[in-house]
Amino acid sequence: MIEALVAGERGALARAITLVESRRADHRERASELLAQLMSRTGGAIRVGVTGVPGVGKSSFIEALGLRLVEAGHRVAVLAVDPTSVRSGGSILGDKTRMERLSRSERAFIRPSPSRGTLGGVAARTRETMLLCEAAGYDVVLVETVGVGQSELAVSAMTDTFLALMLAGAGDELQGIKRGLMEVVDALVVHKADGDNVEKARRAAAGYRHALHLLHGRSAWEPRVTTASSLTGEGIDEAWQLVLDHRAALDLDEKRQGQATAWLWSMVDEEQRRRVRERPDAAAIEAAVASGTLPATVGAARLLS
């Protein structure tokens, strides 16, 4: 599998991702071995997180950007995270249908993955999948999140540049999401800037620039803002230039170290949670807390003891 993956075989990459996404104990052991042998081939890609509220056009923007990058000679991997139903546990996994033109390119790889309820709209194995794509020779990795407005730090911690898409005239009802995004965003694109919306998008971009300056004015990097339209293609190159400018300003070694340690503690948290849930008395303690006979604080202390 490693030889085929390093040679760029898409089928091998798909099988490797399936392996790291598996919850079976024997698969987890094999996945760890696979990643350990591939680590020396990772870290060279430009990692970009793309977020935004539902309906902002993340998939169309990523397709337009991906097509430009492919034309420029890049190999592009798109990790599109689909929200998982809390009731059925199912996902639509429809990003390949939304990015039809890009999915036909031999230089692009699109992998939809279920979020399985993970905060921040990232799948539980997005980090590992990103490393596999880098080992397979993809030099740009775009991570599309569900845009739920929660835990954006989870996305920014695993990517080099965190790019947010906004709509002009979305109203004040999204201010809470915007505030959270603005604190961690590296670049911002006011999307769907076409037709009658061009002037609205320009005004919105000016407003965002002002807000970002107030938040980040004394930072080493002040997030930049542009407008773009996936429909007309206007502004797509400028949006990519923002990513390149931010990358040039980064201490990439320091960023990679931060990503690695964030991954470490994420795995520790996940494994600790799994082990606690497998305790023989876990179900009884959970039932006691649910019935109100045991305070949650006491139940948590017993599970962690």
C-alpha atoms as a PDB file:
ATOM      1  CA  MET A   1       0.000   0.000   0.000  1.00  0.00           C
ATOM      2  CA  ILE A   2       2.821   2.410   0.874  1.00  0.00           C
ATOM      3  CA  GLU A   3       4.631   1.841  -2.426  1.00  0.00           C
ATOM      4  CA  ALA A   4       1.429   2.346  -4.428  1.00  0.00           C
ATOM      5  CA  LEU A   5       0.445   5.432  -2.422  1.00  0.00           C
ATOM      6  CA  VAL A   6       3.857   7.105  -2.812  1.00  0.00           C
ATOM      7  CA  ALA A   7       3.670   6.345  -6.548  1.00  0.00           C
ATOM      8  CA  GLY A   8       0.507   8.447  -6.649  1.00  0.00           C
ATOM      9  CA  GLU A   9      -2.073   5.698  -7.175  1.00  0.00           C
ATOM     10  CA  ARG A  10      -5.427   7.179  -6.210  1.00  0.00           C
ATOM     11  CA  GLY A  11      -6.894   3.787  -5.302  1.00  0.00           C
ATOM     12  CA  ALA A  12      -4.100   3.170  -2.787  1.00  0.00           C
ATOM     13  CA  LEU A  13      -4.637   6.611  -1.258  1.00  0.00           C
ATOM     14  CA  ALA A  14      -8.376   5.951  -0.941  1.00  0.00           C
ATOM     15  CA  ARG A  15      -7.722   2.583   0.750  1.00  0.00           C
ATOM     16  CA  ALA A  16      -5.204   4.153   3.144  1.00  0.00           C
ATOM     17  CA  ILE A  17      -7.718   6.841   4.151  1.00  0.00           C
ATOM     18  CA  THR A  18     -10.375   4.183   4.722  1.00  0.00           C
ATOM     19  CA  LEU A  19      -7.898   2.387   6.978  1.00  0.00           C
ATOM     20  CA  VAL A  20      -7.150   5.448   9.141  1.00  0.00           C
ATOM     21  CA  GLU A  21     -10.865   6.289   9.386  1.00  0.00           C
ATOM     22  CA  SER A  22     -11.732   2.802  10.660  1.00  0.00           C
ATOM     23  CA  ARG A  23     -12.586   2.380  14.332  1.00  0.00           C
ATOM     24  CA  ARG A  24     -11.504  -1.255  14.505  1.00  0.00           C
ATOM     25  CA  ALA A  25      -8.613  -1.843  16.918  1.00  0.00           C
ATOM     26  CA  ASP A  26      -6.578  -3.888  14.411  1.00  0.00           C
ATOM     27  CA  HIS A  27      -7.109  -1.232  11.747  1.00  0.00           C
ATOM     28  CA  ARG A  28      -5.959   1.490  14.153  1.00  0.00           C
ATOM     29  CA  GLU A  29      -2.704  -0.407  14.745  1.00  0.00           C
ATOM     30  CA  ARG A  30      -2.100  -0.807  11.002  1.00  0.00           C
ATOM     31  CA  ALA A  31      -2.955   2.855  10.408  1.00  0.00           C
ATOM     32  CA  SER A  32      -0.432   3.945  13.052  1.00  0.00           C
ATOM     33  CA  GLU A  33       2.259   1.828  11.400  1.00  0.00           C
ATOM     34  CA  LEU A  34       1.355   3.246   7.985  1.00  0.00           C
ATOM     35  CA  LEU A  35       1.580   6.848   9.191  1.00  0.00           C
ATOM     36  CA  ALA A  36       4.862   6.229  11.024  1.00  0.00           C
ATOM     37  CA  GLN A  37       6.481   5.007   7.806  1.00  0.00           C
ATOM     38  CA  LEU A  38       5.126   7.912   5.760  1.00  0.00           C
ATOM     39  CA  MET A  39       5.889  10.818   8.128  1.00  0.00           C
ATOM     40  CA  SER A  40       9.181  11.683   6.406  1.00  0.00           C
ATOM     41  CA  ARG A  41       7.238  12.344   3.189  1.00  0.00           C
ATOM     42  CA  THR A  42       4.752  14.758   4.775  1.00  0.00           C
ATOM     43  CA  GLY A  43       4.726  18.446   5.679  1.00  0.00           C
ATOM     44  CA  GLY A  44       5.462  19.954   2.286  1.00  0.00           C
ATOM     45  CA  ALA A  45       1.951  20.887   1.178  1.00  0.00           C
ATOM     46  CA  ILE A  46       0.161  24.204   1.473  1.00  0.00           C
ATOM     47  CA  ARG A  47      -2.626  23.447   3.978  1.00  0.00           C
ATOM     48  CA  VAL A  48      -5.689  25.676   3.732  1.00  0.00           C
ATOM     49  CA  GLY A  49      -8.851  25.488   5.822  1.00  0.00           C
ATOM     50  CA  VAL A  50     -11.970  26.913   4.179  1.00  0.00           C
ATOM     51  CA  THR A  51     -14.987  27.715   6.332  1.00  0.00           C
ATOM     52  CA  GLY A  52     -18.144  29.791   6.200  1.00  0.00           C
ATOM     53  CA  VAL A  53     -21.832  29.594   6.975  1.00  0.00           C
ATOM     54  CA  PRO A  54     -24.019  27.135   5.012  1.00  0.00           C
ATOM     55  CA  GLY A  55     -24.992  28.637   1.658  1.00  0.00           C
ATOM     56  CA  VAL A  56     -21.920  30.852   1.317  1.00  0.00           C
ATOM     57  CA  GLY A  57     -20.693  28.703  -1.589  1.00  0.00           C
ATOM     58  CA  LYS A  58     -17.715  26.844  -0.097  1.00  0.00           C
ATOM     59  CA  SER A  59     -17.880  23.968  -2.570  1.00  0.00           C
ATOM     60  CA  SER A  60     -18.194  26.211  -5.634  1.00  0.00           C
ATOM     61  CA  PHE A  61     -15.339  28.408  -4.392  1.00  0.00           C
ATOM     62  CA  ILE A  62     -13.091  25.394  -3.743  1.00  0.00           C
ATOM     63  CA  GLU A  63     -13.880  23.980  -7.185  1.00  0.00           C
ATOM     64  CA  ALA A  64     -13.074  27.299  -8.902  1.00  0.00           C
ATOM     65  CA  LEU A  65      -9.859  27.653  -6.895  1.00  0.00           C
ATOM     66  CA  GLY A  66      -8.930  24.005  -7.386  1.00  0.00           C
ATOM     67  CA  LEU A  67      -9.335  24.247 -11.160  1.00  0.00           C
ATOM     68  CA  ARG A  68      -7.036  27.307 -11.253  1.00  0.00           C
ATOM     69  CA  LEU A  69      -4.420  25.512  -9.156  1.00  0.00           C
ATOM     70  CA  VAL A  70      -4.574  22.375 -11.314  1.00  0.00           C
ATOM     71  CA  GLU A  71      -4.107  24.514 -14.426  1.00  0.00           C
ATOM     72  CA  ALA A  72      -1.050  26.083 -12.751  1.00  0.00           C
ATOM     73  CA  GLY A  73       0.510  22.637 -12.278  1.00  0.00           C
ATOM     74  CA  HIS A  74      -0.432  21.892  -8.679  1.00  0.00           C
ATOM     75  CA  ARG A  75      -1.836  18.601  -7.418  1.00  0.00           C
ATOM     76  CA  VAL A  76      -4.826  19.411  -5.235  1.00  0.00           C
ATOM     77  CA  ALA A  77      -6.471  17.308  -2.523  1.00  0.00           C
ATOM     78  CA  VAL A  78      -9.867  18.416  -1.190  1.00  0.00           C
ATOM     79  CA  LEU A  79     -10.967  17.001   2.155  1.00  0.00           C
ATOM     80  CA  ALA A  80     -14.648  17.841   2.330  1.00  0.00           C
ATOM     81  CA  VAL A  81     -16.249  17.164   5.692  1.00  0.00           C
ATOM     82  CA  ASP A  82     -19.966  16.350   5.640  1.00  0.00           C
ATOM     83  CA  PRO A  83     -22.130  16.868   8.720  1.00  0.00           C
ATOM     84  CA  THR A  84     -23.262  13.622  10.322  1.00  0.00           C
ATOM     85  CA  SER A  85     -26.866  13.268  11.419  1.00  0.00           C
ATOM     86  CA  VAL A  86     -27.111  13.042  15.207  1.00  0.00           C
ATOM     87  CA  ARG A  87     -30.216  10.877  14.774  1.00  0.00           C
ATOM     88  CA  SER A  88     -29.326   8.401  12.048  1.00  0.00           C
ATOM     89  CA  GLY A  89     -25.534   8.697  12.109  1.00  0.00           C
ATOM     90  CA  GLY A  90     -25.583   9.035   8.321  1.00  0.00           C
ATOM     91  CA  SER A  91     -23.978  11.569   5.991  1.00  0.00           C
ATOM     92  CA  ILE A  92     -24.837  12.666   2.460  1.00  0.00           C
ATOM     93  CA  LEU A  93     -21.179  12.794   1.328  1.00  0.00           C
ATOM     94  CA  GLY A  94     -22.201  14.758  -1.736  1.00  0.00           C
ATOM     95  CA  ASP A  95     -19.180  16.970  -2.388  1.00  0.00           C
ATOM     96  CA  LYS A  96     -18.059  15.004  -5.428  1.00  0.00           C
ATOM     97  CA  THR A  97     -21.375  15.833  -7.077  1.00  0.00           C
ATOM     98  CA  ARG A  98     -20.995  19.503  -6.103  1.00  0.00           C
ATOM     99  CA  MET A  99     -17.439  19.625  -7.536  1.00  0.00           C
ATOM    100  CA  GLU A 100     -18.106  17.694 -10.721  1.00  0.00           C
ATOM    101  CA  ARG A 101     -15.541  19.447 -12.942  1.00  0.00           C
ATOM    102  CA  LEU A 102     -12.742  19.288 -10.397  1.00  0.00           C
ATOM    103  CA  SER A 103     -13.439  15.622  -9.610  1.00  0.00           C
ATOM    104  CA  ARG A 104     -12.772  14.746 -13.261  1.00  0.00           C
ATOM    105  CA  SER A 105      -9.213  16.129 -13.113  1.00  0.00           C
ATOM    106  CA  GLU A 106      -6.410  13.593 -12.807  1.00  0.00           C
ATOM    107  CA  ARG A 107      -4.465  16.131 -10.708  1.00  0.00           C
ATOM    108  CA  ALA A 108      -7.225  16.472  -8.104  1.00  0.00           C
ATOM    109  CA  PHE A 109      -8.410  14.135  -5.350  1.00  0.00           C
ATOM    110  CA  ILE A 110     -11.679  14.789  -3.515  1.00  0.00           C
ATOM    111  CA  ARG A 111     -12.478  12.860  -0.364  1.00  0.00           C
ATOM    112  CA  PRO A 112     -15.747  13.500   1.495  1.00  0.00           C
ATOM    113  CA  SER A 113     -15.647  12.303   5.098  1.00  0.00           C
ATOM    114  CA  PRO A 114     -18.343  12.196   7.799  1.00  0.00           C
ATOM    115  CA  SER A 115     -17.780  14.574  10.736  1.00  0.00           C
ATOM    116  CA  ARG A 116     -19.318  12.039  13.186  1.00  0.00           C
ATOM    117  CA  GLY A 117     -20.297  14.883  15.465  1.00  0.00           C
ATOM    118  CA  THR A 118     -16.774  16.268  15.855  1.00  0.00           C
ATOM    119  CA  LEU A 119     -16.702  19.927  16.900  1.00  0.00           C
ATOM    120  CA  GLY A 120     -15.336  22.466  14.457  1.00  0.00           C
ATOM    121  CA  GLY A 121     -16.707  20.674  11.413  1.00  0.00           C
ATOM    122  CA  VAL A 122     -13.637  18.537  10.935  1.00  0.00           C
ATOM    123  CA  ALA A 123     -13.658  14.778  10.710  1.00  0.00           C
ATOM    124  CA  ALA A 124     -11.998  12.756  13.450  1.00  0.00           C
ATOM    125  CA  ARG A 125      -9.238  11.687  11.043  1.00  0.00           C
ATOM    126  CA  THR A 126      -8.755  14.844   8.975  1.00  0.00           C
ATOM    127  CA  ARG A 127      -5.174  15.321  10.200  1.00  0.00           C
ATOM    128  CA  GLU A 128      -4.162  11.796   9.251  1.00  0.00           C
ATOM    129  CA  THR A 129      -5.899  12.068   5.879  1.00  0.00           C
ATOM    130  CA  MET A 130      -4.016  15.290   5.175  1.00  0.00           C
ATOM    131  CA  LEU A 131      -0.678  13.567   5.839  1.00  0.00           C
ATOM    132  CA  LEU A 132      -1.591  10.675   3.527  1.00  0.00           C
ATOM    133  CA  CYS A 133      -2.436  13.128   0.738  1.00  0.00           C
ATOM    134  CA  GLU A 134       0.926  14.870   1.193  1.00  0.00           C
ATOM    135  CA  ALA A 135       2.744  11.537   1.067  1.00  0.00           C
ATOM    136  CA  ALA A 136       0.897  10.778  -2.179  1.00  0.00           C
ATOM    137  CA  GLY A 137       2.319  13.936  -3.758  1.00  0.00           C
ATOM    138  CA  TYR A 138      -0.493  16.468  -3.380  1.00  0.00           C
ATOM    139  CA  ASP A 139       1.116  19.857  -2.777  1.00  0.00           C
ATOM    140  CA  VAL A 140      -2.087  21.754  -1.912  1.00  0.00           C
ATOM    141  CA  VAL A 141      -4.597  20.391   0.617  1.00  0.00           C
ATOM    142  CA  LEU A 142      -7.911  22.221   0.993  1.00  0.00           C
ATOM    143  CA  VAL A 143     -10.024  21.300   4.022  1.00  0.00           C
ATOM    144  CA  GLU A 144     -13.669  22.294   3.638  1.00  0.00           C
ATOM    145  CA  THR A 145     -15.530  22.429   6.945  1.00  0.00           C
ATOM    146  CA  VAL A 146     -19.266  22.276   7.557  1.00  0.00           C
ATOM    147  CA  GLY A 147     -19.252  25.889   8.696  1.00  0.00           C
ATOM    148  CA  VAL A 148     -21.048  25.286  11.969  1.00  0.00           C
ATOM    149  CA  GLY A 149     -19.466  28.267  13.734  1.00  0.00           C
ATOM    150  CA  GLN A 150     -18.062  26.107  16.553  1.00  0.00           C
ATOM    151  CA  SER A 151     -14.483  25.470  17.575  1.00  0.00           C
ATOM    152  CA  GLU A 152     -12.769  27.145  14.607  1.00  0.00           C
ATOM    153  CA  LEU A 153      -9.538  26.596  16.530  1.00  0.00           C
ATOM    154  CA  ALA A 154      -9.770  22.914  15.574  1.00  0.00           C
ATOM    155  CA  VAL A 155      -9.532  23.914  11.910  1.00  0.00           C
ATOM    156  CA  SER A 156      -6.861  26.590  12.271  1.00  0.00           C
ATOM    157  CA  ALA A 157      -4.729  24.252  14.406  1.00  0.00           C
ATOM    158  CA  MET A 158      -4.293  21.781  11.539  1.00  0.00           C
ATOM    159  CA  THR A 159      -3.917  24.163   8.573  1.00  0.00           C
ATOM    160  CA  ASP A 160      -1.401  26.847   7.621  1.00  0.00           C
ATOM    161  CA  THR A 161      -3.956  29.390   6.455  1.00  0.00           C
ATOM    162  CA  PHE A 162      -7.526  29.614   7.720  1.00  0.00           C
ATOM    163  CA  LEU A 163      -9.718  31.259   5.097  1.00  0.00           C
ATOM    164  CA  ALA A 164     -13.304  32.312   5.790  1.00  0.00           C
ATOM    165  CA  LEU A 165     -15.958  32.981   3.171  1.00  0.00           C
ATOM    166  CA  MET A 166     -18.581  35.628   3.913  1.00  0.00           C
ATOM    167  CA  LEU A 167     -21.725  36.872   2.239  1.00  0.00           C
ATOM    168  CA  ALA A 168     -22.530  40.541   1.731  1.00  0.00           C
ATOM    169  CA  GLY A 169     -25.648  41.715   3.574  1.00  0.00           C
ATOM    170  CA  ALA A 170     -26.060  38.548   5.645  1.00  0.00           C
ATOM    171  CA  GLY A 171     -27.402  40.637   8.538  1.00  0.00           C
ATOM    172  CA  ASP A 172     -26.599  40.982  12.199  1.00  0.00           C
ATOM    173  CA  GLU A 173     -27.923  37.525  13.050  1.00  0.00           C
ATOM    174  CA  LEU A 174     -24.504  36.074  12.153  1.00  0.00           C
ATOM    175  CA  GLN A 175     -22.433  38.459  14.253  1.00  0.00           C
ATOM    176  CA  GLY A 176     -21.655  35.791  16.868  1.00  0.00           C
ATOM    177  CA  ILE A 177     -20.223  33.501  14.204  1.00  0.00           C
ATOM    178  CA  LYS A 178     -18.378  36.381  12.565  1.00  0.00           C
ATOM    179  CA  ARG A 179     -16.781  37.441  15.835  1.00  0.00           C
ATOM    180  CA  GLY A 180     -15.499  33.918  16.498  1.00  0.00           C
ATOM    181  CA  LEU A 181     -14.155  33.626  12.975  1.00  0.00           C
ATOM    182  CA  MET A 182     -12.467  37.006  12.986  1.00  0.00           C
ATOM    183  CA  GLU A 183     -10.375  36.103  16.001  1.00  0.00           C
ATOM    184  CA  VAL A 184      -8.716  33.144  14.238  1.00  0.00           C
ATOM    185  CA  VAL A 185      -9.082  33.929  10.522  1.00  0.00           C
ATOM    186  CA  ASP A 186      -5.987  34.572   8.375  1.00  0.00           C
ATOM    187  CA  ALA A 187      -7.776  35.714   5.205  1.00  0.00           C
ATOM    188  CA  LEU A 188     -11.367  36.572   4.405  1.00  0.00           C
ATOM    189  CA  VAL A 189     -13.221  36.439   1.087  1.00  0.00           C
ATOM    190  CA  VAL A 190     -16.586  38.089   0.504  1.00  0.00           C
ATOM    191  CA  HIS A 191     -18.043  35.547  -1.897  1.00  0.00           C
ATOM    192  CA  LYS A 192     -20.701  35.732  -4.639  1.00  0.00           C
ATOM    193  CA  ALA A 193     -19.473  39.176  -5.687  1.00  0.00           C
ATOM    194  CA  ASP A 194     -21.227  39.143  -9.079  1.00  0.00           C
ATOM    195  CA  GLY A 195     -24.131  40.833 -10.821  1.00  0.00           C
ATOM    196  CA  ASP A 196     -26.040  43.255  -8.605  1.00  0.00           C
ATOM    197  CA  ASN A 197     -24.068  42.053  -5.611  1.00  0.00           C
ATOM    198  CA  VAL A 198     -20.678  43.474  -6.660  1.00  0.00           C
ATOM    199  CA  GLU A 199     -21.056  46.819  -4.912  1.00  0.00           C
ATOM    200  CA  LYS A 200     -22.553  45.217  -1.795  1.00  0.00           C
ATOM    201  CA  ALA A 201     -19.586  42.856  -1.627  1.00  0.00           C
ATOM    202  CA  ARG A 202     -17.114  45.738  -1.899  1.00  0.00           C
ATOM    203  CA  ARG A 203     -18.832  47.624   0.921  1.00  0.00           C
ATOM    204  CA  ALA A 204     -18.916  44.484   3.063  1.00  0.00           C
ATOM    205  CA  ALA A 205     -15.203  43.882   2.390  1.00  0.00           C
ATOM    206  CA  ALA A 206     -14.401  47.425   3.561  1.00  0.00           C
ATOM    207  CA  GLY A 207     -16.368  46.813   6.755  1.00  0.00           C
ATOM    208  CA  TYR A 208     -14.565  43.558   7.424  1.00  0.00           C
ATOM    209  CA  ARG A 209     -11.174  45.185   6.823  1.00  0.00           C
ATOM    210  CA  HIS A 210     -11.994  47.792   9.453  1.00  0.00           C
ATOM    211  CA  ALA A 211     -13.182  45.166  11.955  1.00  0.00           C
ATOM    212  CA  LEU A 212     -10.131  42.970  11.379  1.00  0.00           C
ATOM    213  CA  HIS A 213      -7.807  45.961  11.778  1.00  0.00           C
ATOM    214  CA  LEU A 214      -9.357  46.695  15.180  1.00  0.00           C
ATOM    215  CA  LEU A 215      -8.875  43.065  16.250  1.00  0.00           C
ATOM    216  CA  HIS A 216      -5.461  42.358  14.737  1.00  0.00           C
ATOM    217  CA  GLY A 217      -3.901  45.792  14.150  1.00  0.00           C
ATOM    218  CA  ARG A 218      -0.905  45.061  16.380  1.00  0.00           C
ATOM    219  CA  SER A 219      -0.407  41.466  15.266  1.00  0.00           C
ATOM    220  CA  ALA A 220       2.504  40.235  13.135  1.00  0.00           C
ATOM    221  CA  TRP A 221      -0.043  39.359  10.443  1.00  0.00           C
ATOM    222  CA  GLU A 222      -3.166  41.413   9.879  1.00  0.00           C
ATOM    223  CA  PRO A 223      -5.783  39.313   8.041  1.00  0.00           C
ATOM    224  CA  ARG A 224      -6.533  40.575   4.542  1.00  0.00           C
ATOM    225  CA  VAL A 225      -9.853  40.778   2.742  1.00  0.00           C
ATOM    226  CA  THR A 226     -10.870  40.437  -0.903  1.00  0.00           C
ATOM    227  CA  THR A 227     -13.996  39.764  -2.940  1.00  0.00           C
ATOM    228  CA  ALA A 228     -14.534  36.872  -5.328  1.00  0.00           C
ATOM    229  CA  SER A 229     -17.086  35.164  -7.533  1.00  0.00           C
ATOM    230  CA  SER A 230     -16.919  31.486  -8.417  1.00  0.00           C
ATOM    231  CA  LEU A 231     -19.531  32.177 -11.093  1.00  0.00           C
ATOM    232  CA  THR A 232     -17.418  34.659 -13.061  1.00  0.00           C
ATOM    233  CA  GLY A 233     -13.962  33.678 -11.764  1.00  0.00           C
ATOM    234  CA  GLU A 234     -13.266  37.256 -10.664  1.00  0.00           C
ATOM    235  CA  GLY A 235     -11.120  37.461  -7.534  1.00  0.00           C
ATOM    236  CA  ILE A 236     -10.182  33.769  -7.358  1.00  0.00           C
ATOM    237  CA  ASP A 237      -6.510  34.459  -8.174  1.00  0.00           C
ATOM    238  CA  GLU A 238      -6.486  37.308  -5.653  1.00  0.00           C
ATOM    239  CA  ALA A 239      -7.873  34.986  -2.969  1.00  0.00           C
ATOM    240  CA  TRP A 240      -5.073  32.506  -3.634  1.00  0.00           C
ATOM    241  CA  GLN A 241      -2.529  35.309  -3.452  1.00  0.00           C
ATOM    242  CA  LEU A 242      -3.762  36.083   0.070  1.00  0.00           C
ATOM    243  CA  VAL A 243      -2.952  32.479   0.999  1.00  0.00           C
ATOM    244  CA  LEU A 244       0.538  32.754  -0.514  1.00  0.00           C
ATOM    245  CA  ASP A 245       1.199  36.101   1.191  1.00  0.00           C
ATOM    246  CA  HIS A 246       0.177  34.675   4.551  1.00  0.00           C
ATOM    247  CA  ARG A 247       2.342  31.591   4.036  1.00  0.00           C
ATOM    248  CA  ALA A 248       5.346  33.784   3.198  1.00  0.00           C
ATOM    249  CA  ALA A 249       4.850  35.661   6.472  1.00  0.00           C
ATOM    250  CA  LEU A 250       4.639  32.447   8.532  1.00  0.00           C
ATOM    251  CA  ASP A 251       7.317  30.776  10.593  1.00  0.00           C
ATOM    252  CA  LEU A 252       6.412  27.459   8.978  1.00  0.00           C
ATOM    253  CA  ASP A 253       8.605  25.342  11.273  1.00  0.00           C
ATOM    254  CA  GLU A 254       6.900  26.814  14.324  1.00  0.00           C
ATOM    255  CA  LYS A 255       3.494  26.326  12.709  1.00  0.00           C
ATOM    256  CA  ARG A 256       4.239  22.664  11.947  1.00  0.00           C
ATOM    257  CA  GLN A 257       5.386  22.096  15.534  1.00  0.00           C
ATOM    258  CA  GLY A 258       2.143  23.587  16.813  1.00  0.00           C
ATOM    259  CA  GLN A 259       0.118  21.380  14.466  1.00  0.00           C
ATOM    260  CA  ALA A 260       1.973  18.273  15.642  1.00  0.00           C
ATOM    261  CA  THR A 261       1.439  18.991  19.343  1.00  0.00           C
ATOM    262  CA  ALA A 262      -2.238  19.837  18.762  1.00  0.00           C
ATOM    263  CA  TRP A 263      -2.600  16.472  17.002  1.00  0.00           C
ATOM    264  CA  LEU A 264      -0.881  14.726  19.926  1.00  0.00           C
ATOM    265  CA  TRP A 265      -3.278  16.098  22.553  1.00  0.00           C
ATOM    266  CA  SER A 266      -6.272  15.542  20.317  1.00  0.00           C
ATOM    267  CA  MET A 267      -5.343  11.862  20.101  1.00  0.00           C
ATOM    268  CA  VAL A 268      -4.781  11.690  23.862  1.00  0.00           C
ATOM    269  CA  ASP A 269      -8.239  13.182  24.497  1.00  0.00           C
ATOM    270  CA  GLU A 270      -9.855  10.773  22.059  1.00  0.00           C
ATOM    271  CA  GLU A 271      -8.135   7.692  23.498  1.00  0.00           C
ATOM    272  CA  GLN A 272      -8.894   8.724  27.069  1.00  0.00           C
ATOM    273  CA  ARG A 273     -12.569   9.155  26.202  1.00  0.00           C
ATOM    274  CA  ARG A 274     -12.649   5.753  24.488  1.00  0.00           C
ATOM    275  CA  ARG A 275     -11.048   3.999  27.457  1.00  0.00           C
ATOM    276  CA  VAL A 276     -13.379   5.661  29.952  1.00  0.00           C
ATOM    277  CA  ARG A 277     -16.430   4.659  27.921  1.00  0.00           C
ATOM    278  CA  GLU A 278     -15.219   1.046  27.896  1.00  0.00           C
ATOM    279  CA  ARG A 279     -15.094   0.842  31.699  1.00  0.00           C
ATOM    280  CA  PRO A 280     -17.487  -1.860  33.022  1.00  0.00           C
ATOM    281  CA  ASP A 281     -19.234   0.650  35.305  1.00  0.00           C
ATOM    282  CA  ALA A 282     -19.545   3.429  32.707  1.00  0.00           C
ATOM    283  CA  ALA A 283     -23.131   2.591  31.729  1.00  0.00           C
ATOM    284  CA  ALA A 284     -24.276   2.400  35.370  1.00  0.00           C
ATOM    285  CA  ILE A 285     -22.668   5.744  36.231  1.00  0.00           C
ATOM    286  CA  GLU A 286     -24.180   7.359  33.131  1.00  0.00           C
ATOM    287  CA  ALA A 287     -27.626   6.002  34.066  1.00  0.00           C
ATOM    288  CA  ALA A 288     -27.273   7.313  37.623  1.00  0.00           C
ATOM    289  CA  VAL A 289     -26.368  10.785  36.356  1.00  0.00           C
ATOM    290  CA  ALA A 290     -29.233  10.722  33.853  1.00  0.00           C
ATOM    291  CA  SER A 291     -31.736   9.766  36.573  1.00  0.00           C
ATOM    292  CA  GLY A 292     -30.539  12.537  38.870  1.00  0.00           C
ATOM    293  CA  THR A 293     -29.331  10.251  41.663  1.00  0.00           C
ATOM    294  CA  LEU A 294     -25.684  11.110  41.062  1.00  0.00           C
ATOM    295  CA  PRO A 295     -24.221  14.576  40.311  1.00  0.00           C
ATOM    296  CA  ALA A 296     -22.358  14.753  36.999  1.00  0.00           C
ATOM    297  CA  THR A 297     -19.251  16.033  38.819  1.00  0.00           C
ATOM    298  CA  VAL A 298     -19.148  12.949  41.045  1.00  0.00           C
ATOM    299  CA  GLY A 299     -19.827  10.639  38.080  1.00  0.00           C
ATOM    300  CA  ALA A 300     -17.002  12.216  36.087  1.00  0.00           C
ATOM    301  CA  ALA A 301     -14.591  11.868  39.021  1.00  0.00           C
ATOM    302  CA  ARG A 302     -15.449   8.173  39.371  1.00  0.00           C
ATOM    303  CA  LEU A 303     -14.992   7.512  35.650  1.00  0.00           C
ATOM    304  CA  LEU A 304     -11.627   9.282  35.636  1.00  0.00           C
ATOM    305  CA  SER A 305     -10.343   7.727  38.846  1.00  0.00           C
END
